[in-house]
């Protein structure tokens, strides 16, 4: 099973999710650790090759976790945030891109 590595404040952001979204995030990250696909995801090629976004919908809103698994033997969580608009904010994309460069 691959370890999960949180970059920057991604873990703190994830911990700020409402309980339901936080639990669902844990389930989805565990699936990825086991080499399975998350239930709802999309590629984030604008950030980099192999970068994906887990999409979580909760009564409190829409939440996203941007991660990459193609690097070494770990799941790197680049960014976690609540989505407020239809399009992902440039700020969120920039944070994930900068953290990908750190790896």
C-alpha atoms as a PDB file:
ATOM      1  CA  UNK A   1       0.000   0.000   0.000  1.00  0.00           C
ATOM      2  CA  UNK A   2       1.362   3.407  -0.997  1.00  0.00           C
ATOM      3  CA  UNK A   3       1.791   6.016   1.748  1.00  0.00           C
ATOM      4  CA  UNK A   4      -0.044   9.351   1.445  1.00  0.00           C
ATOM      5  CA  UNK A   5       2.180  12.445   1.544  1.00  0.00           C
ATOM      6  CA  UNK A   6       0.484  15.804   2.106  1.00  0.00           C
ATOM      7  CA  UNK A   7       2.296  18.856   0.734  1.00  0.00           C
ATOM      8  CA  UNK A   8       2.005  22.362   2.182  1.00  0.00           C
ATOM      9  CA  UNK A   9      -1.198  22.877   4.149  1.00  0.00           C
ATOM     10  CA  UNK A  10      -3.174  20.195   2.255  1.00  0.00           C
ATOM     11  CA  UNK A  11      -3.714  18.088   5.391  1.00  0.00           C
ATOM     12  CA  UNK A  12      -4.955  21.082   7.403  1.00  0.00           C
ATOM     13  CA  UNK A  13      -7.284  22.046   4.561  1.00  0.00           C
ATOM     14  CA  UNK A  14      -8.620  18.489   4.410  1.00  0.00           C
ATOM     15  CA  UNK A  15      -9.193  18.484   8.165  1.00  0.00           C
ATOM     16  CA  UNK A  16     -11.303  21.637   7.737  1.00  0.00           C
ATOM     17  CA  UNK A  17     -13.769  19.800   5.468  1.00  0.00           C
ATOM     18  CA  UNK A  18     -17.160  19.010   7.072  1.00  0.00           C
ATOM     19  CA  UNK A  19     -17.281  15.542   8.640  1.00  0.00           C
ATOM     20  CA  UNK A  20     -19.111  13.844   5.750  1.00  0.00           C
ATOM     21  CA  UNK A  21     -16.762  15.207   3.100  1.00  0.00           C
ATOM     22  CA  UNK A  22     -13.722  14.424   5.277  1.00  0.00           C
ATOM     23  CA  UNK A  23     -14.815  10.790   5.692  1.00  0.00           C
ATOM     24  CA  UNK A  24     -15.461  10.446   1.962  1.00  0.00           C
ATOM     25  CA  UNK A  25     -12.021  11.932   1.240  1.00  0.00           C
ATOM     26  CA  UNK A  26     -10.482   9.281   3.495  1.00  0.00           C
ATOM     27  CA  UNK A  27     -12.309   6.489   1.670  1.00  0.00           C
ATOM     28  CA  UNK A  28     -11.214   7.804  -1.729  1.00  0.00           C
ATOM     29  CA  UNK A  29      -7.568   8.280  -0.678  1.00  0.00           C
ATOM     30  CA  UNK A  30      -7.540   4.743   0.719  1.00  0.00           C
ATOM     31  CA  UNK A  31      -8.774   3.409  -2.639  1.00  0.00           C
ATOM     32  CA  UNK A  32      -5.888   5.200  -4.350  1.00  0.00           C
ATOM     33  CA  UNK A  33      -3.410   3.754  -1.839  1.00  0.00           C
ATOM     34  CA  UNK A  34      -4.630   0.286  -2.803  1.00  0.00           C
ATOM     35  CA  UNK A  35      -4.149   1.034  -6.510  1.00  0.00           C
ATOM     36  CA  UNK A  36      -7.865   1.475  -7.248  1.00  0.00           C
ATOM     37  CA  UNK A  37      -9.642   4.363  -8.958  1.00  0.00           C
ATOM     38  CA  UNK A  38     -11.535   6.909  -6.833  1.00  0.00           C
ATOM     39  CA  UNK A  39     -15.312   6.993  -7.370  1.00  0.00           C
ATOM     40  CA  UNK A  40     -15.411  10.447  -8.994  1.00  0.00           C
ATOM     41  CA  UNK A  41     -12.278  11.993 -10.493  1.00  0.00           C
ATOM     42  CA  UNK A  42     -10.952  13.823 -13.509  1.00  0.00           C
ATOM     43  CA  UNK A  43      -7.465  14.401 -14.933  1.00  0.00           C
ATOM     44  CA  UNK A  44      -5.855  17.784 -14.248  1.00  0.00           C
ATOM     45  CA  UNK A  45      -3.477  17.961 -17.217  1.00  0.00           C
ATOM     46  CA  UNK A  46      -3.217  21.754 -16.886  1.00  0.00           C
ATOM     47  CA  UNK A  47      -1.243  21.164 -13.674  1.00  0.00           C
ATOM     48  CA  UNK A  48       0.883  18.277 -14.934  1.00  0.00           C
ATOM     49  CA  UNK A  49       0.984  14.757 -16.316  1.00  0.00           C
ATOM     50  CA  UNK A  50      -0.570  12.193 -13.992  1.00  0.00           C
ATOM     51  CA  UNK A  51      -2.280  14.810 -11.798  1.00  0.00           C
ATOM     52  CA  UNK A  52      -5.881  14.050 -10.897  1.00  0.00           C
ATOM     53  CA  UNK A  53      -8.682  15.649  -8.927  1.00  0.00           C
ATOM     54  CA  UNK A  54     -11.006  13.751  -6.592  1.00  0.00           C
ATOM     55  CA  UNK A  55     -14.476  15.286  -6.663  1.00  0.00           C
ATOM     56  CA  UNK A  56     -16.575  15.093  -3.506  1.00  0.00           C
ATOM     57  CA  UNK A  57     -20.120  16.418  -3.242  1.00  0.00           C
ATOM     58  CA  UNK A  58     -21.617  16.935   0.193  1.00  0.00           C
ATOM     59  CA  UNK A  59     -24.631  18.822   1.543  1.00  0.00           C
ATOM     60  CA  UNK A  60     -22.108  21.492   2.598  1.00  0.00           C
ATOM     61  CA  UNK A  61     -20.859  21.938  -0.988  1.00  0.00           C
ATOM     62  CA  UNK A  62     -18.277  20.679  -3.450  1.00  0.00           C
ATOM     63  CA  UNK A  63     -14.806  19.674  -2.294  1.00  0.00           C
ATOM     64  CA  UNK A  64     -11.707  18.784  -4.273  1.00  0.00           C
ATOM     65  CA  UNK A  65      -8.441  16.983  -3.606  1.00  0.00           C
ATOM     66  CA  UNK A  66      -5.696  17.351  -6.214  1.00  0.00           C
ATOM     67  CA  UNK A  67      -3.155  14.537  -6.125  1.00  0.00           C
ATOM     68  CA  UNK A  68      -0.525  12.711  -8.149  1.00  0.00           C
ATOM     69  CA  UNK A  69       0.466   9.017  -7.963  1.00  0.00           C
ATOM     70  CA  UNK A  70       2.872   8.727 -10.888  1.00  0.00           C
ATOM     71  CA  UNK A  71       5.879   9.954  -8.896  1.00  0.00           C
ATOM     72  CA  UNK A  72       7.843   7.352  -6.897  1.00  0.00           C
ATOM     73  CA  UNK A  73       5.945   5.050  -4.536  1.00  0.00           C
ATOM     74  CA  UNK A  74       3.558   7.452  -2.795  1.00  0.00           C
ATOM     75  CA  UNK A  75       0.295   9.316  -3.255  1.00  0.00           C
ATOM     76  CA  UNK A  76       1.122  13.035  -3.130  1.00  0.00           C
ATOM     77  CA  UNK A  77      -1.793  15.273  -2.113  1.00  0.00           C
ATOM     78  CA  UNK A  78      -0.978  18.621  -3.670  1.00  0.00           C
ATOM     79  CA  UNK A  79      -4.014  20.615  -2.548  1.00  0.00           C
ATOM     80  CA  UNK A  80      -7.419  20.224  -0.875  1.00  0.00           C
ATOM     81  CA  UNK A  81     -10.118  22.894  -1.035  1.00  0.00           C
ATOM     82  CA  UNK A  82     -13.818  23.692  -1.177  1.00  0.00           C
ATOM     83  CA  UNK A  83     -14.948  24.646  -4.634  1.00  0.00           C
ATOM     84  CA  UNK A  84     -17.102  27.778  -4.747  1.00  0.00           C
ATOM     85  CA  UNK A  85     -17.612  28.234  -8.505  1.00  0.00           C
ATOM     86  CA  UNK A  86     -18.121  26.066 -11.597  1.00  0.00           C
ATOM     87  CA  UNK A  87     -14.528  26.565 -12.743  1.00  0.00           C
ATOM     88  CA  UNK A  88     -11.577  25.779 -10.482  1.00  0.00           C
ATOM     89  CA  UNK A  89     -10.060  29.044  -9.249  1.00  0.00           C
ATOM     90  CA  UNK A  90      -6.696  30.027 -10.721  1.00  0.00           C
ATOM     91  CA  UNK A  91      -5.326  30.401  -7.171  1.00  0.00           C
ATOM     92  CA  UNK A  92      -6.090  26.730  -6.435  1.00  0.00           C
ATOM     93  CA  UNK A  93      -4.486  25.608  -9.701  1.00  0.00           C
ATOM     94  CA  UNK A  94      -1.398  27.737  -8.977  1.00  0.00           C
ATOM     95  CA  UNK A  95      -1.006  26.235  -5.490  1.00  0.00           C
ATOM     96  CA  UNK A  96      -1.183  22.679  -6.867  1.00  0.00           C
ATOM     97  CA  UNK A  97       1.248  23.500  -9.686  1.00  0.00           C
ATOM     98  CA  UNK A  98       3.779  25.031  -7.275  1.00  0.00           C
ATOM     99  CA  UNK A  99       3.579  21.999  -4.957  1.00  0.00           C
ATOM    100  CA  UNK A 100       4.047  19.603  -7.872  1.00  0.00           C
ATOM    101  CA  UNK A 101       7.299  21.392  -8.656  1.00  0.00           C
ATOM    102  CA  UNK A 102       8.471  20.734  -5.060  1.00  0.00           C
ATOM    103  CA  UNK A 103       8.410  16.972  -5.549  1.00  0.00           C
END
